[in-house]
PDB file of N, CA and C in Angstrom:
ATOM      1  N   UNK A   1    -110.949 127.325 -61.757  1.00  0.00           N
ATOM      2  CA  UNK A   1    -111.920 126.703 -60.859  1.00  0.00           C
ATOM      3  C   UNK A   1    -113.256 127.432 -61.019  1.00  0.00           C
ATOM      4  N   UNK A   2    -114.326 126.708 -61.301  1.00  0.00           N
ATOM      5  CA  UNK A   2    -115.613 127.357 -61.491  1.00  0.00           C
ATOM      6  C   UNK A   2    -116.291 127.635 -60.144  1.00  0.00           C
ATOM      7  N   UNK A   3    -117.417 128.337 -60.194  1.00  0.00           N
ATOM      8  CA  UNK A   3    -118.107 128.748 -58.972  1.00  0.00           C
ATOM      9  C   UNK A   3    -118.581 127.555 -58.160  1.00  0.00           C
ATOM     10  N   UNK A   4    -119.072 126.529 -58.838  1.00  0.00           N
ATOM     11  CA  UNK A   4    -119.572 125.350 -58.119  1.00  0.00           C
ATOM     12  C   UNK A   4    -118.439 124.673 -57.347  1.00  0.00           C
ATOM     13  N   UNK A   5    -117.278 124.579 -57.965  1.00  0.00           N
ATOM     14  CA  UNK A   5    -116.149 123.963 -57.277  1.00  0.00           C
ATOM     15  C   UNK A   5    -115.702 124.812 -56.096  1.00  0.00           C
ATOM     16  N   UNK A   6    -115.766 126.121 -56.239  1.00  0.00           N
ATOM     17  CA  UNK A   6    -115.359 127.000 -55.152  1.00  0.00           C
ATOM     18  C   UNK A   6    -116.331 126.928 -53.978  1.00  0.00           C
ATOM     19  N   UNK A   7    -117.594 126.636 -54.259  1.00  0.00           N
ATOM     20  CA  UNK A   7    -118.595 126.660 -53.200  1.00  0.00           C
ATOM     21  C   UNK A   7    -118.674 125.356 -52.418  1.00  0.00           C
ATOM     22  N   UNK A   8    -117.863 124.383 -52.779  1.00  0.00           N
ATOM     23  CA  UNK A   8    -117.926 123.103 -52.076  1.00  0.00           C
ATOM     24  C   UNK A   8    -117.306 123.226 -50.690  1.00  0.00           C
ATOM     25  N   UNK A   9    -118.041 122.766 -49.706  1.00  0.00           N
ATOM     26  CA  UNK A   9    -117.529 122.706 -48.344  1.00  0.00           C
ATOM     27  C   UNK A   9    -117.270 121.255 -48.028  1.00  0.00           C
ATOM     28  N   UNK A  10    -116.192 120.982 -47.403  1.00  0.00           N
ATOM     29  CA  UNK A  10    -115.850 119.596 -47.125  1.00  0.00           C
ATOM     30  C   UNK A  10    -115.930 119.338 -45.634  1.00  0.00           C
ATOM     31  N   UNK A  11    -116.464 118.184 -45.276  1.00  0.00           N
ATOM     32  CA  UNK A  11    -116.491 117.813 -43.871  1.00  0.00           C
ATOM     33  C   UNK A  11    -115.741 116.502 -43.691  1.00  0.00           C
ATOM     34  N   UNK A  12    -115.090 116.340 -42.571  1.00  0.00           N
ATOM     35  CA  UNK A  12    -114.254 115.150 -42.388  1.00  0.00           C
ATOM     36  C   UNK A  12    -115.077 113.879 -42.282  1.00  0.00           C
ATOM     37  N   UNK A  13    -114.505 112.801 -42.805  1.00  0.00           N
ATOM     38  CA  UNK A  13    -115.151 111.502 -42.661  1.00  0.00           C
ATOM     39  C   UNK A  13    -114.637 110.798 -41.422  1.00  0.00           C
ATOM     40  N   UNK A  14    -113.483 111.217 -40.942  1.00  0.00           N
ATOM     41  CA  UNK A  14    -112.943 110.604 -39.734  1.00  0.00           C
ATOM     42  C   UNK A  14    -111.957 111.550 -39.073  1.00  0.00           C
ATOM     43  N   UNK A  15    -111.778 111.355 -37.806  1.00  0.00           N
ATOM     44  CA  UNK A  15    -110.790 112.117 -37.050  1.00  0.00           C
ATOM     45  C   UNK A  15    -109.921 111.101 -36.342  1.00  0.00           C
ATOM     46  N   UNK A  16    -108.640 111.206 -36.548  1.00  0.00           N
ATOM     47  CA  UNK A  16    -107.734 110.263 -35.901  1.00  0.00           C
ATOM     48  C   UNK A  16    -107.507 110.702 -34.456  1.00  0.00           C
ATOM     49  N   UNK A  17    -107.573 109.754 -33.539  1.00  0.00           N
ATOM     50  CA  UNK A  17    -107.394 110.073 -32.123  1.00  0.00           C
ATOM     51  C   UNK A  17    -106.088 109.474 -31.615  1.00  0.00           C
ATOM     52  N   UNK A  18    -105.444 110.199 -30.746  1.00  0.00           N
ATOM     53  CA  UNK A  18    -104.258 109.694 -30.068  1.00  0.00           C
ATOM     54  C   UNK A  18    -104.746 108.876 -28.884  1.00  0.00           C
ATOM     55  N   UNK A  19    -104.455 107.596 -28.856  1.00  0.00           N
ATOM     56  CA  UNK A  19    -105.013 106.712 -27.835  1.00  0.00           C
ATOM     57  C   UNK A  19    -104.469 106.986 -26.440  1.00  0.00           C
ATOM     58  N   UNK A  20    -103.341 107.630 -26.327  1.00  0.00           N
ATOM     59  CA  UNK A  20    -102.769 107.844 -24.997  1.00  0.00           C
ATOM     60  C   UNK A  20    -103.475 108.953 -24.236  1.00  0.00           C
ATOM     61  N   UNK A  21    -103.869 110.028 -24.896  1.00  0.00           N
ATOM     62  CA  UNK A  21    -104.503 111.129 -24.161  1.00  0.00           C
ATOM     63  C   UNK A  21    -105.773 111.656 -24.829  1.00  0.00           C
ATOM     64  N   UNK A  22    -106.320 110.916 -25.787  1.00  0.00           N
ATOM     65  CA  UNK A  22    -107.561 111.278 -26.486  1.00  0.00           C
ATOM     66  C   UNK A  22    -107.524 112.661 -27.130  1.00  0.00           C
ATOM     67  N   UNK A  23    -106.350 113.152 -27.458  1.00  0.00           N
ATOM     68  CA  UNK A  23    -106.286 114.450 -28.118  1.00  0.00           C
ATOM     69  C   UNK A  23    -106.367 114.257 -29.632  1.00  0.00           C
ATOM     70  N   UNK A  24    -106.815 115.297 -30.317  1.00  0.00           N
ATOM     71  CA  UNK A  24    -106.945 115.217 -31.769  1.00  0.00           C
ATOM     72  C   UNK A  24    -105.567 115.235 -32.430  1.00  0.00           C
ATOM     73  N   UNK A  25    -105.432 114.427 -33.459  1.00  0.00           N
ATOM     74  CA  UNK A  25    -104.215 114.411 -34.263  1.00  0.00           C
ATOM     75  C   UNK A  25    -104.557 115.033 -35.614  1.00  0.00           C
ATOM     76  N   UNK A  26    -103.576 115.363 -36.388  1.00  0.00           N
ATOM     77  CA  UNK A  26    -103.771 116.034 -37.669  1.00  0.00           C
ATOM     78  C   UNK A  26    -104.728 115.260 -38.579  1.00  0.00           C
ATOM     79  N   UNK A  27    -105.484 116.011 -39.363  1.00  0.00           N
ATOM     80  CA  UNK A  27    -106.347 115.422 -40.385  1.00  0.00           C
ATOM     81  C   UNK A  27    -105.587 115.442 -41.699  1.00  0.00           C
ATOM     82  N   UNK A  28    -105.761 114.401 -42.465  1.00  0.00           N
ATOM     83  CA  UNK A  28    -105.087 114.337 -43.755  1.00  0.00           C
ATOM     84  C   UNK A  28    -106.086 114.599 -44.871  1.00  0.00           C
ATOM     85  N   UNK A  29    -105.569 114.917 -46.052  1.00  0.00           N
ATOM     86  CA  UNK A  29    -106.428 115.291 -47.178  1.00  0.00           C
ATOM     87  C   UNK A  29    -107.451 114.213 -47.503  1.00  0.00           C
ATOM     88  N   UNK A  30    -107.078 112.936 -47.430  1.00  0.00           N
ATOM     89  CA  UNK A  30    -108.029 111.878 -47.798  1.00  0.00           C
ATOM     90  C   UNK A  30    -109.208 111.812 -46.829  1.00  0.00           C
ATOM     91  N   UNK A  31    -109.086 112.403 -45.652  1.00  0.00           N
ATOM     92  CA  UNK A  31    -110.198 112.430 -44.706  1.00  0.00           C
ATOM     93  C   UNK A  31    -111.329 113.323 -45.198  1.00  0.00           C
ATOM     94  N   UNK A  32    -111.050 114.211 -46.134  1.00  0.00           N
ATOM     95  CA  UNK A  32    -112.047 115.167 -46.598  1.00  0.00           C
ATOM     96  C   UNK A  32    -112.614 114.844 -47.971  1.00  0.00           C
ATOM     97  N   UNK A  33    -112.098 113.863 -48.649  1.00  0.00           N
ATOM     98  CA  UNK A  33    -112.452 113.652 -50.046  1.00  0.00           C
ATOM     99  C   UNK A  33    -113.825 113.022 -50.273  1.00  0.00           C
ATOM    100  N   UNK A  34    -114.281 112.150 -49.404  1.00  0.00           N
ATOM    101  CA  UNK A  34    -115.474 111.347 -49.682  1.00  0.00           C
ATOM    102  C   UNK A  34    -116.791 112.065 -49.423  1.00  0.00           C
ATOM    103  N   UNK A  35    -116.816 113.019 -48.536  1.00  0.00           N
ATOM    104  CA  UNK A  35    -118.083 113.548 -48.039  1.00  0.00           C
ATOM    105  C   UNK A  35    -118.209 115.041 -48.335  1.00  0.00           C
ATOM    106  N   UNK A  36    -118.315 115.404 -49.597  1.00  0.00           N
ATOM    107  CA  UNK A  36    -118.352 116.800 -49.999  1.00  0.00           C
ATOM    108  C   UNK A  36    -119.806 117.267 -50.121  1.00  0.00           C
ATOM    109  N   UNK A  37    -120.097 118.444 -49.551  1.00  0.00           N
ATOM    110  CA  UNK A  37    -121.446 119.007 -49.591  1.00  0.00           C
ATOM    111  C   UNK A  37    -121.341 120.418 -50.152  1.00  0.00           C
ATOM    112  N   UNK A  38    -122.200 120.748 -51.111  1.00  0.00           N
ATOM    113  CA  UNK A  38    -122.179 122.101 -51.669  1.00  0.00           C
ATOM    114  C   UNK A  38    -123.013 123.023 -50.797  1.00  0.00           C
ATOM    115  N   UNK A  39    -122.760 124.306 -50.930  1.00  0.00           N
ATOM    116  CA  UNK A  39    -123.540 125.291 -50.183  1.00  0.00           C
ATOM    117  C   UNK A  39    -125.015 125.202 -50.565  1.00  0.00           C
ATOM    118  N   UNK A  40    -125.284 124.925 -51.838  1.00  0.00           N
ATOM    119  CA  UNK A  40    -126.669 124.814 -52.298  1.00  0.00           C
ATOM    120  C   UNK A  40    -127.385 123.662 -51.593  1.00  0.00           C
ATOM    121  N   UNK A  41    -126.689 122.536 -51.440  1.00  0.00           N
ATOM    122  CA  UNK A  41    -127.284 121.381 -50.756  1.00  0.00           C
ATOM    123  C   UNK A  41    -127.521 121.690 -49.281  1.00  0.00           C
ATOM    124  N   UNK A  42    -126.565 122.384 -48.674  1.00  0.00           N
ATOM    125  CA  UNK A  42    -126.732 122.752 -47.270  1.00  0.00           C
ATOM    126  C   UNK A  42    -127.907 123.713 -47.110  1.00  0.00           C
ATOM    127  N   UNK A  43    -128.003 124.685 -48.007  1.00  0.00           N
ATOM    128  CA  UNK A  43    -129.088 125.656 -47.958  1.00  0.00           C
ATOM    129  C   UNK A  43    -130.435 124.971 -48.161  1.00  0.00           C
ATOM    130  N   UNK A  44    -130.504 124.045 -49.081  1.00  0.00           N
ATOM    131  CA  UNK A  44    -131.730 123.292 -49.325  1.00  0.00           C
ATOM    132  C   UNK A  44    -132.141 122.505 -48.086  1.00  0.00           C
ATOM    133  N   UNK A  45    -131.174 121.883 -47.440  1.00  0.00           N
ATOM    134  CA  UNK A  45    -131.441 121.123 -46.221  1.00  0.00           C
ATOM    135  C   UNK A  45    -131.970 122.032 -45.117  1.00  0.00           C
ATOM    136  N   UNK A  46    -131.356 123.194 -44.962  1.00  0.00           N
ATOM    137  CA  UNK A  46    -131.798 124.149 -43.941  1.00  0.00           C
ATOM    138  C   UNK A  46    -133.212 124.638 -44.248  1.00  0.00           C
ATOM    139  N   UNK A  47    -133.491 124.912 -45.514  1.00  0.00           N
ATOM    140  CA  UNK A  47    -134.839 125.366 -45.896  1.00  0.00           C
ATOM    141  C   UNK A  47    -135.888 124.290 -45.601  1.00  0.00           C
ATOM    142  N   UNK A  48    -135.551 123.038 -45.897  1.00  0.00           N
ATOM    143  CA  UNK A  48    -136.483 121.940 -45.617  1.00  0.00           C
ATOM    144  C   UNK A  48    -136.749 121.811 -44.123  1.00  0.00           C
ATOM    145  N   UNK A  49    -135.700 121.923 -43.327  1.00  0.00           N
ATOM    146  CA  UNK A  49    -135.871 121.839 -41.873  1.00  0.00           C
ATOM    147  C   UNK A  49    -136.700 123.007 -41.356  1.00  0.00           C
ATOM    148  N   UNK A  50    -136.460 124.194 -41.893  1.00  0.00           N
ATOM    149  CA  UNK A  50    -137.220 125.371 -41.494  1.00  0.00           C
ATOM    150  C   UNK A  50    -138.700 125.207 -41.844  1.00  0.00           C
ATOM    151  N   UNK A  51    -138.982 124.711 -43.034  1.00  0.00           N
ATOM    152  CA  UNK A  51    -140.370 124.488 -43.450  1.00  0.00           C
ATOM    153  C   UNK A  51    -141.048 123.481 -42.528  1.00  0.00           C
ATOM    154  N   UNK A  52    -140.330 122.450 -42.140  1.00  0.00           N
ATOM    155  CA  UNK A  52    -140.872 121.442 -41.233  1.00  0.00           C
ATOM    156  C   UNK A  52    -141.185 122.054 -39.871  1.00  0.00           C
ATOM    157  N   UNK A  53    -140.265 122.869 -39.360  1.00  0.00           N
ATOM    158  CA  UNK A  53    -140.479 123.516 -38.063  1.00  0.00           C
ATOM    159  C   UNK A  53    -141.644 124.499 -38.128  1.00  0.00           C
ATOM    160  N   UNK A  54    -141.762 125.239 -39.231  1.00  0.00           N
ATOM    161  CA  UNK A  54    -142.863 126.183 -39.380  1.00  0.00           C
ATOM    162  C   UNK A  54    -144.195 125.445 -39.431  1.00  0.00           C
ATOM    163  N   UNK A  55    -144.224 124.295 -40.078  1.00  0.00           N
ATOM    164  CA  UNK A  55    -145.434 123.485 -40.138  1.00  0.00           C
ATOM    165  C   UNK A  55    -145.836 123.023 -38.737  1.00  0.00           C
ATOM    166  N   UNK A  56    -144.851 122.567 -37.965  1.00  0.00           N
ATOM    167  CA  UNK A  56    -145.127 122.145 -36.585  1.00  0.00           C
ATOM    168  C   UNK A  56    -145.640 123.317 -35.757  1.00  0.00           C
ATOM    169  N   UNK A  57    -145.031 124.492 -35.939  1.00  0.00           N
ATOM    170  CA  UNK A  57    -145.470 125.675 -35.200  1.00  0.00           C
ATOM    171  C   UNK A  57    -146.902 126.047 -35.557  1.00  0.00           C
ATOM    172  N   UNK A  58    -147.254 125.938 -36.840  1.00  0.00           N
ATOM    173  CA  UNK A  58    -148.617 126.243 -37.265  1.00  0.00           C
ATOM    174  C   UNK A  58    -149.614 125.281 -36.630  1.00  0.00           C
ATOM    175  N   UNK A  59    -149.257 123.999 -36.589  1.00  0.00           N
ATOM    176  CA  UNK A  59    -150.135 123.009 -35.965  1.00  0.00           C
ATOM    177  C   UNK A  59    -150.310 123.310 -34.481  1.00  0.00           C
ATOM    178  N   UNK A  60    -149.224 123.649 -33.805  1.00  0.00           N
ATOM    179  CA  UNK A  60    -149.305 123.974 -32.381  1.00  0.00           C
ATOM    180  C   UNK A  60    -150.139 125.227 -32.150  1.00  0.00           C
ATOM    181  N   UNK A  61    -150.011 126.201 -33.030  1.00  0.00           N
ATOM    182  CA  UNK A  61    -150.811 127.424 -32.907  1.00  0.00           C
ATOM    183  C   UNK A  61    -152.295 127.112 -33.022  1.00  0.00           C
ATOM    184  N   UNK A  62    -152.643 126.226 -33.943  1.00  0.00           N
ATOM    185  CA  UNK A  62    -154.046 125.831 -34.098  1.00  0.00           C
ATOM    186  C   UNK A  62    -154.559 125.136 -32.838  1.00  0.00           C
ATOM    187  N   UNK A  63    -153.750 124.274 -32.258  1.00  0.00           N
ATOM    188  CA  UNK A  63    -154.140 123.575 -31.030  1.00  0.00           C
ATOM    189  C   UNK A  63    -154.328 124.580 -29.897  1.00  0.00           C
ATOM    190  N   UNK A  64    -153.431 125.558 -29.802  1.00  0.00           N
ATOM    191  CA  UNK A  64    -153.529 126.571 -28.750  1.00  0.00           C
ATOM    192  C   UNK A  64    -154.818 127.368 -28.895  1.00  0.00           C
ATOM    193  N   UNK A  65    -155.164 127.743 -30.121  1.00  0.00           N
ATOM    194  CA  UNK A  65    -156.399 128.502 -30.361  1.00  0.00           C
ATOM    195  C   UNK A  65    -157.616 127.676 -29.945  1.00  0.00           C
ATOM    196  N   UNK A  66    -157.639 126.394 -30.314  1.00  0.00           N
ATOM    197  CA  UNK A  66    -158.767 125.530 -29.947  1.00  0.00           C
ATOM    198  C   UNK A  66    -158.872 125.369 -28.435  1.00  0.00           C
ATOM    199  N   UNK A  67    -157.729 125.199 -27.773  1.00  0.00           N
ATOM    200  CA  UNK A  67    -157.747 125.068 -26.310  1.00  0.00           C
ATOM    201  C   UNK A  67    -158.235 126.350 -25.647  1.00  0.00           C
ATOM    202  N   UNK A  68    -157.820 127.498 -26.170  1.00  0.00           N
ATOM    203  CA  UNK A  68    -158.282 128.769 -25.612  1.00  0.00           C
ATOM    204  C   UNK A  68    -159.789 128.911 -25.794  1.00  0.00           C
ATOM    205  N   UNK A  69    -160.299 128.523 -26.959  1.00  0.00           N
ATOM    206  CA  UNK A  69    -161.739 128.598 -27.195  1.00  0.00           C
ATOM    207  C   UNK A  69    -162.496 127.701 -26.222  1.00  0.00           C
ATOM    208  N   UNK A  70    -162.003 126.479 -26.006  1.00  0.00           N
ATOM    209  CA  UNK A  70    -162.657 125.565 -25.067  1.00  0.00           C
ATOM    210  C   UNK A  70    -162.587 126.101 -23.646  1.00  0.00           C
ATOM    211  N   UNK A  71    -161.437 126.671 -23.282  1.00  0.00           N
ATOM    212  CA  UNK A  71    -161.277 127.240 -21.946  1.00  0.00           C
ATOM    213  C   UNK A  71    -162.249 128.393 -21.738  1.00  0.00           C
ATOM    214  N   UNK A  72    -162.358 129.266 -22.728  1.00  0.00           N
ATOM    215  CA  UNK A  72    -163.295 130.391 -22.637  1.00  0.00           C
ATOM    216  C   UNK A  72    -164.729 129.897 -22.508  1.00  0.00           C
ATOM    217  N   UNK A  73    -165.079 128.885 -23.286  1.00  0.00           N
ATOM    218  CA  UNK A  73    -166.437 128.332 -23.239  1.00  0.00           C
ATOM    219  C   UNK A  73    -166.728 127.744 -21.858  1.00  0.00           C
ATOM    220  N   UNK A  74    -165.783 126.954 -21.335  1.00  0.00           N
ATOM    221  CA  UNK A  74    -165.978 126.353 -20.013  1.00  0.00           C
ATOM    222  C   UNK A  74    -166.030 127.418 -18.921  1.00  0.00           C
ATOM    223  N   UNK A  75    -165.220 128.435 -19.059  1.00  0.00           N
ATOM    224  CA  UNK A  75    -165.220 129.525 -18.087  1.00  0.00           C
ATOM    225  C   UNK A  75    -166.570 130.246 -18.085  1.00  0.00           C
ATOM    226  N   UNK A  76    -167.109 130.486 -19.271  1.00  0.00           N
ATOM    227  CA  UNK A  76    -168.420 131.137 -19.375  1.00  0.00           C
ATOM    228  C   UNK A  76    -169.523 130.260 -18.791  1.00  0.00           C
ATOM    229  N   UNK A  77    -169.453 128.955 -19.054  1.00  0.00           N
ATOM    230  CA  UNK A  77    -170.448 128.038 -18.495  1.00  0.00           C
ATOM    231  C   UNK A  77    -170.372 128.020 -16.969  1.00  0.00           C
ATOM    232  N   UNK A  78    -169.168 127.997 -16.438  1.00  0.00           N
ATOM    233  CA  UNK A  78    -168.994 127.995 -14.987  1.00  0.00           C
ATOM    234  C   UNK A  78    -169.524 129.286 -14.380  1.00  0.00           C
ATOM    235  N   UNK A  79    -169.217 130.401 -14.996  1.00  0.00           N
ATOM    236  CA  UNK A  79    -169.710 131.692 -14.511  1.00  0.00           C
ATOM    237  C   UNK A  79    -171.237 131.718 -14.518  1.00  0.00           C
ATOM    238  N   UNK A  80    -171.833 131.201 -15.574  1.00  0.00           N
ATOM    239  CA  UNK A  80    -173.295 131.148 -15.673  1.00  0.00           C
ATOM    240  C   UNK A  80    -173.885 130.272 -14.560  1.00  0.00           C
ATOM    241  N   UNK A  81    -173.265 129.110 -14.308  1.00  0.00           N
ATOM    242  CA  UNK A  81    -173.753 128.216 -13.255  1.00  0.00           C
ATOM    243  C   UNK A  81    -173.592 128.843 -11.875  1.00  0.00           C
ATOM    244  N   UNK A  82    -172.502 129.587 -11.673  1.00  0.00           N
ATOM    245  CA  UNK A  82    -172.309 130.267 -10.389  1.00  0.00           C
ATOM    246  C   UNK A  82    -173.376 131.333 -10.182  1.00  0.00           C
ATOM    247  N   UNK A  83    -173.727 132.049 -11.236  1.00  0.00           N
ATOM    248  CA  UNK A  83    -174.775 133.070 -11.136  1.00  0.00           C
ATOM    249  C   UNK A  83    -176.107 132.424 -10.777  1.00  0.00           C
ATOM    250  N   UNK A  84    -176.413 131.301 -11.423  1.00  0.00           N
ATOM    251  CA  UNK A  84    -177.663 130.586 -11.128  1.00  0.00           C
ATOM    252  C   UNK A  84    -177.644 130.088  -9.691  1.00  0.00           C
ATOM    253  N   UNK A  85    -176.523 129.531  -9.273  1.00  0.00           N
ATOM    254  CA  UNK A  85    -176.397 129.018  -7.911  1.00  0.00           C
ATOM    255  C   UNK A  85    -176.577 130.138  -6.892  1.00  0.00           C
ATOM    256  N   UNK A  86    -175.944 131.273  -7.130  1.00  0.00           N
ATOM    257  CA  UNK A  86    -176.082 132.412  -6.213  1.00  0.00           C
ATOM    258  C   UNK A  86    -177.513 132.931  -6.206  1.00  0.00           C
ATOM    259  N   UNK A  87    -178.159 132.909  -7.329  1.00  0.00           N
ATOM    260  CA  UNK A  87    -179.540 133.382  -7.416  1.00  0.00           C
ATOM    261  C   UNK A  87    -180.477 132.453  -6.635  1.00  0.00           C
ATOM    262  N   UNK A  88    -180.210 131.148  -6.706  1.00  0.00           N
ATOM    263  CA  UNK A  88    -181.054 130.184  -6.005  1.00  0.00           C
ATOM    264  C   UNK A  88    -180.841 130.226  -4.497  1.00  0.00           C
ATOM    265  N   UNK A  89    -179.664 130.632  -4.053  1.00  0.00           N
ATOM    266  CA  UNK A  89    -179.377 130.721  -2.616  1.00  0.00           C
ATOM    267  C   UNK A  89    -180.180 131.831  -1.959  1.00  0.00           C
ATOM    268  N   UNK A  90    -180.488 132.852  -2.694  1.00  0.00           N
ATOM    269  CA  UNK A  90    -181.166 134.014  -2.132  1.00  0.00           C
ATOM    270  C   UNK A  90    -182.597 133.751  -1.854  1.00  0.00           C
TER     271      UNK A  90
END
């Protein structure tokens, strides 16, 4: 058996249910034959999902930075207007 064959992980295509109490019944070999995934394919899928999540996180970080900049700007403008208002009251 070569390395590629050894690295294959199999996932069931179906699970037989006992209709009387909904408990799991034994799985047979043919339940595992159709849907074989290699570790390399699983790893590739995980890497793609991770890259997608990192991209979303980067976009959110950019939005957070822009919102903080706008908040700081508005806060400074408000502080300036309050100073002017207090100065005019005197």
